[in-house]
Amino acid sequence: MGNAAPDLVTKEEMEARISLLSDEMDANDEENRAMQAEIDALYAKIDALG
């Protein structure tokens, strides 16, 4: 998947693409929060080691 937008013609196609992209962004936000929580937990363990 490249950076070029698909060749969307109708308003409905563009709205469907927007919906898909928005859903993907939301999923990525959730993944990023989970990864950040793991990073924070690992730093806490490192700190606890002294």
C-alpha atoms as a PDB file:
ATOM      1  CA  MET A   1       0.000   0.000   0.000  1.00  0.00           C
ATOM      2  CA  GLY A   2       1.515   3.261  -1.126  1.00  0.00           C
ATOM      3  CA  ASN A   3       0.896   6.868  -0.272  1.00  0.00           C
ATOM      4  CA  ALA A   4      -1.185   7.464  -3.413  1.00  0.00           C
ATOM      5  CA  ALA A   5      -4.909   7.670  -2.808  1.00  0.00           C
ATOM      6  CA  PRO A   6      -6.998   5.087  -4.600  1.00  0.00           C
ATOM      7  CA  ASP A   7      -8.835   6.320  -7.691  1.00  0.00           C
ATOM      8  CA  LEU A   8     -12.138   7.075  -5.998  1.00  0.00           C
ATOM      9  CA  VAL A   9     -14.840   8.536  -8.192  1.00  0.00           C
ATOM     10  CA  THR A  10     -18.153   8.802  -6.410  1.00  0.00           C
ATOM     11  CA  LYS A  11     -18.982  10.638  -3.213  1.00  0.00           C
ATOM     12  CA  GLU A  12     -20.017   7.292  -1.714  1.00  0.00           C
ATOM     13  CA  GLU A  13     -16.638   5.733  -2.550  1.00  0.00           C
ATOM     14  CA  MET A  14     -14.809   8.657  -0.977  1.00  0.00           C
ATOM     15  CA  GLU A  15     -16.990   8.550   2.159  1.00  0.00           C
ATOM     16  CA  ALA A  16     -16.425   4.782   2.468  1.00  0.00           C
ATOM     17  CA  ARG A  17     -12.647   5.354   2.173  1.00  0.00           C
ATOM     18  CA  ILE A  18     -12.789   8.067   4.849  1.00  0.00           C
ATOM     19  CA  SER A  19     -14.663   5.666   7.144  1.00  0.00           C
ATOM     20  CA  LEU A  20     -12.098   2.927   6.567  1.00  0.00           C
ATOM     21  CA  LEU A  21      -9.164   5.264   7.213  1.00  0.00           C
ATOM     22  CA  SER A  22     -10.800   6.615  10.371  1.00  0.00           C
ATOM     23  CA  ASP A  23     -11.338   3.091  11.681  1.00  0.00           C
ATOM     24  CA  GLU A  24      -7.699   2.221  10.954  1.00  0.00           C
ATOM     25  CA  MET A  25      -6.515   5.329  12.797  1.00  0.00           C
ATOM     26  CA  ASP A  26      -8.649   4.418  15.817  1.00  0.00           C
ATOM     27  CA  ALA A  27      -7.224   0.881  15.836  1.00  0.00           C
ATOM     28  CA  ASN A  28      -3.692   2.272  15.650  1.00  0.00           C
ATOM     29  CA  ASP A  29      -4.411   4.589  18.579  1.00  0.00           C
ATOM     30  CA  GLU A  30      -5.471   1.597  20.664  1.00  0.00           C
ATOM     31  CA  GLU A  31      -2.356  -0.349  19.658  1.00  0.00           C
ATOM     32  CA  ASN A  32      -0.150   2.644  20.436  1.00  0.00           C
ATOM     33  CA  ARG A  33      -1.675   2.998  23.910  1.00  0.00           C
ATOM     34  CA  ALA A  34      -1.093  -0.701  24.602  1.00  0.00           C
ATOM     35  CA  MET A  35       2.533  -0.474  23.433  1.00  0.00           C
ATOM     36  CA  GLN A  36       3.115   2.691  25.492  1.00  0.00           C
ATOM     37  CA  ALA A  37       1.696   0.952  28.572  1.00  0.00           C
ATOM     38  CA  GLU A  38       4.133  -1.925  28.032  1.00  0.00           C
ATOM     39  CA  ILE A  39       7.029   0.514  27.593  1.00  0.00           C
ATOM     40  CA  ASP A  40       6.031   2.287  30.819  1.00  0.00           C
ATOM     41  CA  ALA A  41       5.849  -1.038  32.676  1.00  0.00           C
ATOM     42  CA  LEU A  42       9.289  -2.043  31.411  1.00  0.00           C
ATOM     43  CA  TYR A  43      10.800   1.285  32.480  1.00  0.00           C
ATOM     44  CA  ALA A  44       9.246   0.786  35.921  1.00  0.00           C
ATOM     45  CA  LYS A  45      10.899  -2.649  36.166  1.00  0.00           C
ATOM     46  CA  ILE A  46      14.233  -1.175  35.069  1.00  0.00           C
ATOM     47  CA  ASP A  47      13.896   1.576  37.683  1.00  0.00           C
ATOM     48  CA  ALA A  48      13.087  -1.018  40.335  1.00  0.00           C
ATOM     49  CA  LEU A  49      16.368  -2.804  39.514  1.00  0.00           C
ATOM     50  CA  GLY A  50      18.216   0.323  40.562  1.00  0.00           C
END
